[in-house]
Amino acid sequence: MDHSRHTALDRSEINNTTLEGAPIYGVDDSKIGTISHVHGAGAVTQVVIDVGGFLGIGSKPVLVSVDQLNLMRDEDGEVHGVTSWTKEQLEELPEHHH
């Protein structure tokens, strides 16, 4: 996927309404998780990413700083994120409990 033509999200778009369900891609452009919800606002914003599982079943929620993600919209307006984390690295993080 060529992200060079995708538009970075504005800070005001970093919220549950915009990000819930957005796919997260690793450096090799494989889908490694999905954002389930957002915690906080501004400089302390964190997102919960569901990693692993199948269709949301058996997935592990992990908490990461929004600064670890490049959040953007593609040419069709679909929101997604890219990170330097691998799926394995995310799976090694502690499970986030709501």
PDB file of N, CA and C in Angstrom:
ATOM      1  N   MET A   1       0.853  -1.171   0.000  1.00  0.00           N
ATOM      2  CA  MET A   1       0.000   0.000   0.000  1.00  0.00           C
ATOM      3  C   MET A   1       0.901   1.237   0.000  1.00  0.00           C
ATOM      4  N   ASP A   2       0.636   2.162  -0.881  1.00  0.00           N
ATOM      5  CA  ASP A   2       1.418   3.388  -0.968  1.00  0.00           C
ATOM      6  C   ASP A   2       0.777   4.450  -0.088  1.00  0.00           C
ATOM      7  N   HIS A   3       1.401   4.712   1.058  1.00  0.00           N
ATOM      8  CA  HIS A   3       0.839   5.677   2.006  1.00  0.00           C
ATOM      9  C   HIS A   3       1.232   7.112   1.680  1.00  0.00           C
ATOM     10  N   SER A   4       2.079   7.310   0.676  1.00  0.00           N
ATOM     11  CA  SER A   4       2.575   8.649   0.368  1.00  0.00           C
ATOM     12  C   SER A   4       1.469   9.606  -0.078  1.00  0.00           C
ATOM     13  N   ARG A   5       0.371   9.071  -0.599  1.00  0.00           N
ATOM     14  CA  ARG A   5      -0.738   9.925  -1.035  1.00  0.00           C
ATOM     15  C   ARG A   5      -1.852  10.005   0.006  1.00  0.00           C
ATOM     16  N   HIS A   6      -1.638   9.436   1.171  1.00  0.00           N
ATOM     17  CA  HIS A   6      -2.642   9.462   2.229  1.00  0.00           C
ATOM     18  C   HIS A   6      -2.444  10.703   3.093  1.00  0.00           C
ATOM     19  N   THR A   7      -3.538  11.212   3.616  1.00  0.00           N
ATOM     20  CA  THR A   7      -3.520  12.441   4.396  1.00  0.00           C
ATOM     21  C   THR A   7      -3.482  12.126   5.887  1.00  0.00           C
ATOM     22  N   ALA A   8      -2.534  12.714   6.591  1.00  0.00           N
ATOM     23  CA  ALA A   8      -2.432  12.530   8.038  1.00  0.00           C
ATOM     24  C   ALA A   8      -3.666  13.104   8.722  1.00  0.00           C
ATOM     25  N   LEU A   9      -4.122  12.421   9.781  1.00  0.00           N
ATOM     26  CA  LEU A   9      -5.260  12.922  10.544  1.00  0.00           C
ATOM     27  C   LEU A   9      -4.832  14.143  11.347  1.00  0.00           C
ATOM     28  N   ASP A  10      -5.743  15.067  11.507  1.00  0.00           N
ATOM     29  CA  ASP A  10      -5.557  16.221  12.366  1.00  0.00           C
ATOM     30  C   ASP A  10      -5.766  15.773  13.816  1.00  0.00           C
ATOM     31  N   ARG A  11      -5.122  16.430  14.766  1.00  0.00           N
ATOM     32  CA  ARG A  11      -5.272  16.075  16.197  1.00  0.00           C
ATOM     33  C   ARG A  11      -6.742  16.040  16.619  1.00  0.00           C
ATOM     34  N   SER A  12      -7.564  16.908  16.035  1.00  0.00           N
ATOM     35  CA  SER A  12      -8.987  16.955  16.407  1.00  0.00           C
ATOM     36  C   SER A  12      -9.732  15.692  15.972  1.00  0.00           C
ATOM     37  N   GLU A  13      -9.142  14.908  15.068  1.00  0.00           N
ATOM     38  CA  GLU A  13      -9.775  13.673  14.595  1.00  0.00           C
ATOM     39  C   GLU A  13      -9.372  12.452  15.421  1.00  0.00           C
ATOM     40  N   ILE A  14      -8.480  12.636  16.386  1.00  0.00           N
ATOM     41  CA  ILE A  14      -8.020  11.519  17.209  1.00  0.00           C
ATOM     42  C   ILE A  14      -9.054  11.303  18.313  1.00  0.00           C
ATOM     43  N   ASN A  15     -10.099  10.554  17.998  1.00  0.00           N
ATOM     44  CA  ASN A  15     -11.191  10.282  18.924  1.00  0.00           C
ATOM     45  C   ASN A  15     -11.853   8.956  18.556  1.00  0.00           C
ATOM     46  N   ASN A  16     -12.725   8.468  19.439  1.00  0.00           N
ATOM     47  CA  ASN A  16     -13.400   7.191  19.208  1.00  0.00           C
ATOM     48  C   ASN A  16     -14.205   7.183  17.918  1.00  0.00           C
ATOM     49  N   THR A  17     -14.907   8.267  17.646  1.00  0.00           N
ATOM     50  CA  THR A  17     -15.765   8.318  16.465  1.00  0.00           C
ATOM     51  C   THR A  17     -14.973   8.075  15.188  1.00  0.00           C
ATOM     52  N   THR A  18     -13.813   8.682  15.095  1.00  0.00           N
ATOM     53  CA  THR A  18     -12.994   8.570  13.886  1.00  0.00           C
ATOM     54  C   THR A  18     -12.206   7.267  13.835  1.00  0.00           C
ATOM     55  N   LEU A  19     -11.671   6.828  14.989  1.00  0.00           N
ATOM     56  CA  LEU A  19     -10.699   5.733  14.988  1.00  0.00           C
ATOM     57  C   LEU A  19     -11.251   4.337  15.260  1.00  0.00           C
ATOM     58  N   GLU A  20     -12.404   4.241  15.892  1.00  0.00           N
ATOM     59  CA  GLU A  20     -12.923   2.913  16.238  1.00  0.00           C
ATOM     60  C   GLU A  20     -13.068   2.038  15.005  1.00  0.00           C
ATOM     61  N   GLY A  21     -12.444   0.866  15.036  1.00  0.00           N
ATOM     62  CA  GLY A  21     -12.514  -0.087  13.937  1.00  0.00           C
ATOM     63  C   GLY A  21     -11.446   0.106  12.868  1.00  0.00           C
ATOM     64  N   ALA A  22     -10.606   1.139  13.023  1.00  0.00           N
ATOM     65  CA  ALA A  22      -9.575   1.399  12.018  1.00  0.00           C
ATOM     66  C   ALA A  22      -8.502   0.312  12.053  1.00  0.00           C
ATOM     67  N   PRO A  23      -8.128  -0.217  10.897  1.00  0.00           N
ATOM     68  CA  PRO A  23      -7.068  -1.222  10.852  1.00  0.00           C
ATOM     69  C   PRO A  23      -5.695  -0.584  11.095  1.00  0.00           C
ATOM     70  N   ILE A  24      -4.812  -1.369  11.696  1.00  0.00           N
ATOM     71  CA  ILE A  24      -3.429  -0.956  11.909  1.00  0.00           C
ATOM     72  C   ILE A  24      -2.540  -1.893  11.109  1.00  0.00           C
ATOM     73  N   TYR A  25      -1.613  -1.305  10.342  1.00  0.00           N
ATOM     74  CA  TYR A  25      -0.706  -2.065   9.498  1.00  0.00           C
ATOM     75  C   TYR A  25       0.724  -1.945  10.009  1.00  0.00           C
ATOM     76  N   GLY A  26       1.478  -3.032   9.890  1.00  0.00           N
ATOM     77  CA  GLY A  26       2.883  -3.041  10.256  1.00  0.00           C
ATOM     78  C   GLY A  26       3.737  -2.529   9.119  1.00  0.00           C
ATOM     79  N   VAL A  27       5.047  -2.561   9.323  1.00  0.00           N
ATOM     80  CA  VAL A  27       5.968  -2.019   8.320  1.00  0.00           C
ATOM     81  C   VAL A  27       5.902  -2.753   6.983  1.00  0.00           C
ATOM     82  N   ASP A  28       5.497  -4.008   6.998  1.00  0.00           N
ATOM     83  CA  ASP A  28       5.397  -4.762   5.740  1.00  0.00           C
ATOM     84  C   ASP A  28       3.994  -4.667   5.127  1.00  0.00           C
ATOM     85  N   ASP A  29       3.186  -3.739   5.647  1.00  0.00           N
ATOM     86  CA  ASP A  29       1.816  -3.498   5.184  1.00  0.00           C
ATOM     87  C   ASP A  29       0.848  -4.640   5.461  1.00  0.00           C
ATOM     88  N   SER A  30       1.205  -5.545   6.367  1.00  0.00           N
ATOM     89  CA  SER A  30       0.236  -6.560   6.755  1.00  0.00           C
ATOM     90  C   SER A  30      -0.587  -6.019   7.923  1.00  0.00           C
ATOM     91  N   LYS A  31      -1.864  -6.364   7.939  1.00  0.00           N
ATOM     92  CA  LYS A  31      -2.738  -5.902   9.014  1.00  0.00           C
ATOM     93  C   LYS A  31      -2.335  -6.623  10.299  1.00  0.00           C
ATOM     94  N   ILE A  32      -2.051  -5.833  11.354  1.00  0.00           N
ATOM     95  CA  ILE A  32      -1.612  -6.441  12.607  1.00  0.00           C
ATOM     96  C   ILE A  32      -2.601  -6.220  13.744  1.00  0.00           C
ATOM     97  N   GLY A  33      -3.631  -5.435  13.514  1.00  0.00           N
ATOM     98  CA  GLY A  33      -4.617  -5.202  14.564  1.00  0.00           C
ATOM     99  C   GLY A  33      -5.669  -4.204  14.128  1.00  0.00           C
ATOM    100  N   THR A  34      -6.582  -3.915  15.065  1.00  0.00           N
ATOM    101  CA  THR A  34      -7.684  -2.983  14.827  1.00  0.00           C
ATOM    102  C   THR A  34      -7.874  -2.131  16.076  1.00  0.00           C
ATOM    103  N   ILE A  35      -8.074  -0.838  15.903  1.00  0.00           N
ATOM    104  CA  ILE A  35      -8.322   0.039  17.049  1.00  0.00           C
ATOM    105  C   ILE A  35      -9.717  -0.232  17.593  1.00  0.00           C
ATOM    106  N   SER A  36      -9.791  -0.520  18.899  1.00  0.00           N
ATOM    107  CA  SER A  36     -11.107  -0.735  19.501  1.00  0.00           C
ATOM    108  C   SER A  36     -11.616   0.509  20.212  1.00  0.00           C
ATOM    109  N   HIS A  37     -10.726   1.302  20.815  1.00  0.00           N
ATOM    110  CA  HIS A  37     -11.144   2.582  21.385  1.00  0.00           C
ATOM    111  C   HIS A  37      -9.956   3.444  21.771  1.00  0.00           C
ATOM    112  N   VAL A  38     -10.280   4.694  22.139  1.00  0.00           N
ATOM    113  CA  VAL A  38      -9.277   5.716  22.437  1.00  0.00           C
ATOM    114  C   VAL A  38      -9.405   6.123  23.898  1.00  0.00           C
ATOM    115  N   HIS A  39      -8.246   6.335  24.559  1.00  0.00           N
ATOM    116  CA  HIS A  39      -8.199   6.845  25.930  1.00  0.00           C
ATOM    117  C   HIS A  39      -7.487   8.188  25.924  1.00  0.00           C
ATOM    118  N   GLY A  40      -8.014   9.155  26.652  1.00  0.00           N
ATOM    119  CA  GLY A  40      -7.347  10.438  26.810  1.00  0.00           C
ATOM    120  C   GLY A  40      -7.517  11.354  25.617  1.00  0.00           C
ATOM    121  N   ALA A  41      -6.775  12.465  25.689  1.00  0.00           N
ATOM    122  CA  ALA A  41      -6.817  13.455  24.612  1.00  0.00           C
ATOM    123  C   ALA A  41      -5.500  14.213  24.599  1.00  0.00           C
ATOM    124  N   GLY A  42      -5.223  14.848  23.491  1.00  0.00           N
ATOM    125  CA  GLY A  42      -4.005  15.646  23.372  1.00  0.00           C
ATOM    126  C   GLY A  42      -2.751  14.806  23.446  1.00  0.00           C
ATOM    127  N   ALA A  43      -1.757  15.316  24.176  1.00  0.00           N
ATOM    128  CA  ALA A  43      -0.440  14.672  24.239  1.00  0.00           C
ATOM    129  C   ALA A  43      -0.454  13.322  24.951  1.00  0.00           C
ATOM    130  N   VAL A  44      -1.489  13.046  25.731  1.00  0.00           N
ATOM    131  CA  VAL A  44      -1.532  11.787  26.477  1.00  0.00           C
ATOM    132  C   VAL A  44      -2.518  10.777  25.882  1.00  0.00           C
ATOM    133  N   THR A  45      -2.852  10.927  24.628  1.00  0.00           N
ATOM    134  CA  THR A  45      -3.805  10.030  23.986  1.00  0.00           C
ATOM    135  C   THR A  45      -3.189   8.652  23.780  1.00  0.00           C
ATOM    136  N   GLN A  46      -3.969   7.629  24.138  1.00  0.00           N
ATOM    137  CA  GLN A  46      -3.566   6.249  23.913  1.00  0.00           C
ATOM    138  C   GLN A  46      -4.703   5.542  23.201  1.00  0.00           C
ATOM    139  N   VAL A  47      -4.361   4.521  22.420  1.00  0.00           N
ATOM    140  CA  VAL A  47      -5.374   3.729  21.741  1.00  0.00           C
ATOM    141  C   VAL A  47      -5.246   2.272  22.158  1.00  0.00           C
ATOM    142  N   VAL A  48      -6.375   1.603  22.201  1.00  0.00           N
ATOM    143  CA  VAL A  48      -6.398   0.174  22.463  1.00  0.00           C
ATOM    144  C   VAL A  48      -6.494  -0.522  21.112  1.00  0.00           C
ATOM    145  N   ILE A  49      -5.528  -1.401  20.860  1.00  0.00           N
ATOM    146  CA  ILE A  49      -5.492  -2.153  19.605  1.00  0.00           C
ATOM    147  C   ILE A  49      -5.767  -3.611  19.926  1.00  0.00           C
ATOM    148  N   ASP A  50      -6.742  -4.191  19.233  1.00  0.00           N
ATOM    149  CA  ASP A  50      -7.017  -5.621  19.353  1.00  0.00           C
ATOM    150  C   ASP A  50      -6.087  -6.348  18.394  1.00  0.00           C
ATOM    151  N   VAL A  51      -5.261  -7.242  18.947  1.00  0.00           N
ATOM    152  CA  VAL A  51      -4.247  -7.950  18.169  1.00  0.00           C
ATOM    153  C   VAL A  51      -4.552  -9.437  18.191  1.00  0.00           C
ATOM    154  N   GLY A  52      -4.349 -10.103  17.059  1.00  0.00           N
ATOM    155  CA  GLY A  52      -4.540 -11.546  16.978  1.00  0.00           C
ATOM    156  C   GLY A  52      -6.010 -11.907  16.919  1.00  0.00           C
ATOM    157  N   GLY A  53      -6.283 -13.168  17.091  1.00  0.00           N
ATOM    158  CA  GLY A  53      -7.660 -13.649  17.031  1.00  0.00           C
ATOM    159  C   GLY A  53      -8.180 -13.684  15.604  1.00  0.00           C
ATOM    160  N   PHE A  54      -9.458 -13.959  15.493  1.00  0.00           N
ATOM    161  CA  PHE A  54     -10.119 -14.035  14.192  1.00  0.00           C
ATOM    162  C   PHE A  54     -11.476 -13.391  14.320  1.00  0.00           C
ATOM    163  N   LEU A  55     -11.721 -12.354  13.523  1.00  0.00           N
ATOM    164  CA  LEU A  55     -12.986 -11.607  13.556  1.00  0.00           C
ATOM    165  C   LEU A  55     -13.317 -11.113  14.958  1.00  0.00           C
ATOM    166  N   GLY A  56     -12.268 -10.685  15.692  1.00  0.00           N
ATOM    167  CA  GLY A  56     -12.459 -10.148  17.036  1.00  0.00           C
ATOM    168  C   GLY A  56     -12.551 -11.189  18.130  1.00  0.00           C
ATOM    169  N   ILE A  57     -12.607 -12.464  17.762  1.00  0.00           N
ATOM    170  CA  ILE A  57     -12.705 -13.533  18.759  1.00  0.00           C
ATOM    171  C   ILE A  57     -11.294 -13.993  19.103  1.00  0.00           C
ATOM    172  N   GLY A  58     -10.981 -13.983  20.383  1.00  0.00           N
ATOM    173  CA  GLY A  58      -9.669 -14.418  20.821  1.00  0.00           C
ATOM    174  C   GLY A  58      -8.588 -13.370  20.671  1.00  0.00           C
ATOM    175  N   SER A  59      -8.977 -12.137  20.370  1.00  0.00           N
ATOM    176  CA  SER A  59      -7.975 -11.088  20.226  1.00  0.00           C
ATOM    177  C   SER A  59      -7.554 -10.574  21.598  1.00  0.00           C
ATOM    178  N   LYS A  60      -6.382  -9.967  21.643  1.00  0.00           N
ATOM    179  CA  LYS A  60      -5.820  -9.432  22.880  1.00  0.00           C
ATOM    180  C   LYS A  60      -5.765  -7.916  22.770  1.00  0.00           C
ATOM    181  N   PRO A  61      -6.443  -7.176  23.668  1.00  0.00           N
ATOM    182  CA  PRO A  61      -6.370  -5.722  23.629  1.00  0.00           C
ATOM    183  C   PRO A  61      -5.080  -5.239  24.296  1.00  0.00           C
ATOM    184  N   VAL A  62      -4.340  -4.389  23.600  1.00  0.00           N
ATOM    185  CA  VAL A  62      -3.117  -3.795  24.153  1.00  0.00           C
ATOM    186  C   VAL A  62      -3.203  -2.277  24.004  1.00  0.00           C
ATOM    187  N   LEU A  63      -2.548  -1.572  24.914  1.00  0.00           N
ATOM    188  CA  LEU A  63      -2.592  -0.114  24.953  1.00  0.00           C
ATOM    189  C   LEU A  63      -1.287   0.458  24.417  1.00  0.00           C
ATOM    190  N   VAL A  64      -1.379   1.371  23.445  1.00  0.00           N
ATOM    191  CA  VAL A  64      -0.196   2.039  22.896  1.00  0.00           C
ATOM    192  C   VAL A  64      -0.459   3.541  22.780  1.00  0.00           C
ATOM    193  N   SER A  65       0.606   4.305  22.885  1.00  0.00           N
ATOM    194  CA  SER A  65       0.511   5.751  22.708  1.00  0.00           C
ATOM    195  C   SER A  65       0.191   6.056  21.253  1.00  0.00           C
ATOM    196  N   VAL A  66      -0.655   7.042  21.046  1.00  0.00           N
ATOM    197  CA  VAL A  66      -1.018   7.431  19.682  1.00  0.00           C
ATOM    198  C   VAL A  66       0.218   7.907  18.916  1.00  0.00           C
ATOM    199  N   ASP A  67       1.248   8.339  19.641  1.00  0.00           N
ATOM    200  CA  ASP A  67       2.486   8.773  18.993  1.00  0.00           C
ATOM    201  C   ASP A  67       3.233   7.621  18.333  1.00  0.00           C
ATOM    202  N   GLN A  68       2.862   6.381  18.637  1.00  0.00           N
ATOM    203  CA  GLN A  68       3.483   5.201  18.031  1.00  0.00           C
ATOM    204  C   GLN A  68       2.846   4.841  16.694  1.00  0.00           C
ATOM    205  N   LEU A  69       1.831   5.630  16.295  1.00  0.00           N
ATOM    206  CA  LEU A  69       1.085   5.340  15.073  1.00  0.00           C
ATOM    207  C   LEU A  69       1.100   6.529  14.128  1.00  0.00           C
ATOM    208  N   ASN A  70       1.120   6.246  12.844  1.00  0.00           N
ATOM    209  CA  ASN A  70       0.874   7.261  11.823  1.00  0.00           C
ATOM    210  C   ASN A  70      -0.558   7.044  11.371  1.00  0.00           C
ATOM    211  N   LEU A  71      -1.454   7.903  11.828  1.00  0.00           N
ATOM    212  CA  LEU A  71      -2.873   7.768  11.507  1.00  0.00           C
ATOM    213  C   LEU A  71      -3.209   8.642  10.313  1.00  0.00           C
ATOM    214  N   MET A  72      -3.943   8.065   9.339  1.00  0.00           N
ATOM    215  CA  MET A  72      -4.193   8.768   8.080  1.00  0.00           C
ATOM    216  C   MET A  72      -5.471   8.277   7.400  1.00  0.00           C
ATOM    217  N   ARG A  73      -5.845   9.020   6.348  1.00  0.00           N
ATOM    218  CA  ARG A  73      -6.969   8.638   5.486  1.00  0.00           C
ATOM    219  C   ARG A  73      -6.416   8.313   4.111  1.00  0.00           C
ATOM    220  N   ASP A  74      -6.987   7.261   3.511  1.00  0.00           N
ATOM    221  CA  ASP A  74      -6.572   6.933   2.147  1.00  0.00           C
ATOM    222  C   ASP A  74      -7.388   7.746   1.139  1.00  0.00           C
ATOM    223  N   GLU A  75      -7.196   7.461  -0.134  1.00  0.00           N
ATOM    224  CA  GLU A  75      -7.878   8.206  -1.197  1.00  0.00           C
ATOM    225  C   GLU A  75      -9.395   8.100  -1.117  1.00  0.00           C
ATOM    226  N   ASP A  76      -9.906   7.040  -0.491  1.00  0.00           N
ATOM    227  CA  ASP A  76     -11.353   6.850  -0.352  1.00  0.00           C
ATOM    228  C   ASP A  76     -11.892   7.403   0.960  1.00  0.00           C
ATOM    229  N   GLY A  77     -11.014   8.011   1.774  1.00  0.00           N
ATOM    230  CA  GLY A  77     -11.444   8.579   3.047  1.00  0.00           C
ATOM    231  C   GLY A  77     -11.421   7.598   4.203  1.00  0.00           C
ATOM    232  N   GLU A  78     -10.956   6.368   3.945  1.00  0.00           N
ATOM    233  CA  GLU A  78     -10.909   5.348   4.992  1.00  0.00           C
ATOM    234  C   GLU A  78      -9.720   5.608   5.930  1.00  0.00           C
ATOM    235  N   VAL A  79      -9.996   5.576   7.234  1.00  0.00           N
ATOM    236  CA  VAL A  79      -8.968   5.814   8.240  1.00  0.00           C
ATOM    237  C   VAL A  79      -8.214   4.516   8.538  1.00  0.00           C
ATOM    238  N   HIS A  80      -6.912   4.630   8.682  1.00  0.00           N
ATOM    239  CA  HIS A  80      -6.078   3.490   9.066  1.00  0.00           C
ATOM    240  C   HIS A  80      -4.805   4.031   9.711  1.00  0.00           C
ATOM    241  N   GLY A  81      -4.045   3.137  10.304  1.00  0.00           N
ATOM    242  CA  GLY A  81      -2.794   3.532  10.927  1.00  0.00           C
ATOM    243  C   GLY A  81      -1.660   2.626  10.500  1.00  0.00           C
ATOM    244  N   VAL A  82      -0.455   3.162  10.590  1.00  0.00           N
ATOM    245  CA  VAL A  82       0.752   2.412  10.277  1.00  0.00           C
ATOM    246  C   VAL A  82       1.686   2.565  11.467  1.00  0.00           C
ATOM    247  N   THR A  83       2.358   1.479  11.832  1.00  0.00           N
ATOM    248  CA  THR A  83       3.287   1.509  12.946  1.00  0.00           C
ATOM    249  C   THR A  83       4.548   0.722  12.615  1.00  0.00           C
ATOM    250  N   SER A  84       5.592   0.998  13.368  1.00  0.00           N
ATOM    251  CA  SER A  84       6.829   0.229  13.207  1.00  0.00           C
ATOM    252  C   SER A  84       6.798  -1.037  14.068  1.00  0.00           C
ATOM    253  N   TRP A  85       5.770  -1.174  14.906  1.00  0.00           N
ATOM    254  CA  TRP A  85       5.608  -2.383  15.720  1.00  0.00           C
ATOM    255  C   TRP A  85       5.288  -3.569  14.806  1.00  0.00           C
ATOM    256  N   THR A  86       5.701  -4.747  15.207  1.00  0.00           N
ATOM    257  CA  THR A  86       5.276  -5.967  14.527  1.00  0.00           C
ATOM    258  C   THR A  86       4.100  -6.553  15.308  1.00  0.00           C
ATOM    259  N   LYS A  87       3.390  -7.463  14.690  1.00  0.00           N
ATOM    260  CA  LYS A  87       2.278  -8.130  15.375  1.00  0.00           C
ATOM    261  C   LYS A  87       2.804  -8.851  16.615  1.00  0.00           C
ATOM    262  N   GLU A  88       3.962  -9.482  16.494  1.00  0.00           N
ATOM    263  CA  GLU A  88       4.540 -10.227  17.614  1.00  0.00           C
ATOM    264  C   GLU A  88       4.892  -9.299  18.768  1.00  0.00           C
ATOM    265  N   GLN A  89       5.424  -8.110  18.461  1.00  0.00           N
ATOM    266  CA  GLN A  89       5.762  -7.149  19.513  1.00  0.00           C
ATOM    267  C   GLN A  89       4.500  -6.667  20.233  1.00  0.00           C
ATOM    268  N   LEU A  90       3.441  -6.404  19.487  1.00  0.00           N
ATOM    269  CA  LEU A  90       2.189  -5.987  20.117  1.00  0.00           C
ATOM    270  C   LEU A  90       1.625  -7.103  20.984  1.00  0.00           C
ATOM    271  N   GLU A  91       1.710  -8.331  20.519  1.00  0.00           N
ATOM    272  CA  GLU A  91       1.177  -9.462  21.285  1.00  0.00           C
ATOM    273  C   GLU A  91       1.941  -9.669  22.588  1.00  0.00           C
ATOM    274  N   GLU A  92       3.200  -9.220  22.643  1.00  0.00           N
ATOM    275  CA  GLU A  92       4.002  -9.357  23.860  1.00  0.00           C
ATOM    276  C   GLU A  92       3.681  -8.307  24.911  1.00  0.00           C
ATOM    277  N   LEU A  93       2.961  -7.239  24.541  1.00  0.00           N
ATOM    278  CA  LEU A  93       2.585  -6.205  25.496  1.00  0.00           C
ATOM    279  C   LEU A  93       1.554  -6.773  26.481  1.00  0.00           C
ATOM    280  N   PRO A  94       1.483  -6.160  27.674  1.00  0.00           N
ATOM    281  CA  PRO A  94       0.478  -6.620  28.643  1.00  0.00           C
ATOM    282  C   PRO A  94      -0.938  -6.410  28.109  1.00  0.00           C
ATOM    283  N   GLU A  95      -1.814  -7.310  28.466  1.00  0.00           N
ATOM    284  CA  GLU A  95      -3.213  -7.169  28.058  1.00  0.00           C
ATOM    285  C   GLU A  95      -3.844  -5.974  28.770  1.00  0.00           C
ATOM    286  N   HIS A  96      -4.556  -5.173  28.011  1.00  0.00           N
ATOM    287  CA  HIS A  96      -5.248  -4.005  28.574  1.00  0.00           C
ATOM    288  C   HIS A  96      -6.633  -4.433  29.074  1.00  0.00           C
ATOM    289  N   HIS A  97      -6.915  -4.083  30.321  1.00  0.00           N
ATOM    290  CA  HIS A  97      -8.233  -4.382  30.888  1.00  0.00           C
ATOM    291  C   HIS A  97      -8.995  -3.076  31.027  1.00  0.00           C
ATOM    292  N   HIS A  98     -10.207  -3.054  30.501  1.00  0.00           N
ATOM    293  CA  HIS A  98     -11.032  -1.819  30.506  1.00  0.00           C
ATOM    294  C   HIS A  98     -11.449  -1.458  31.896  1.00  0.00           C
TER     295      HIS A  98
END
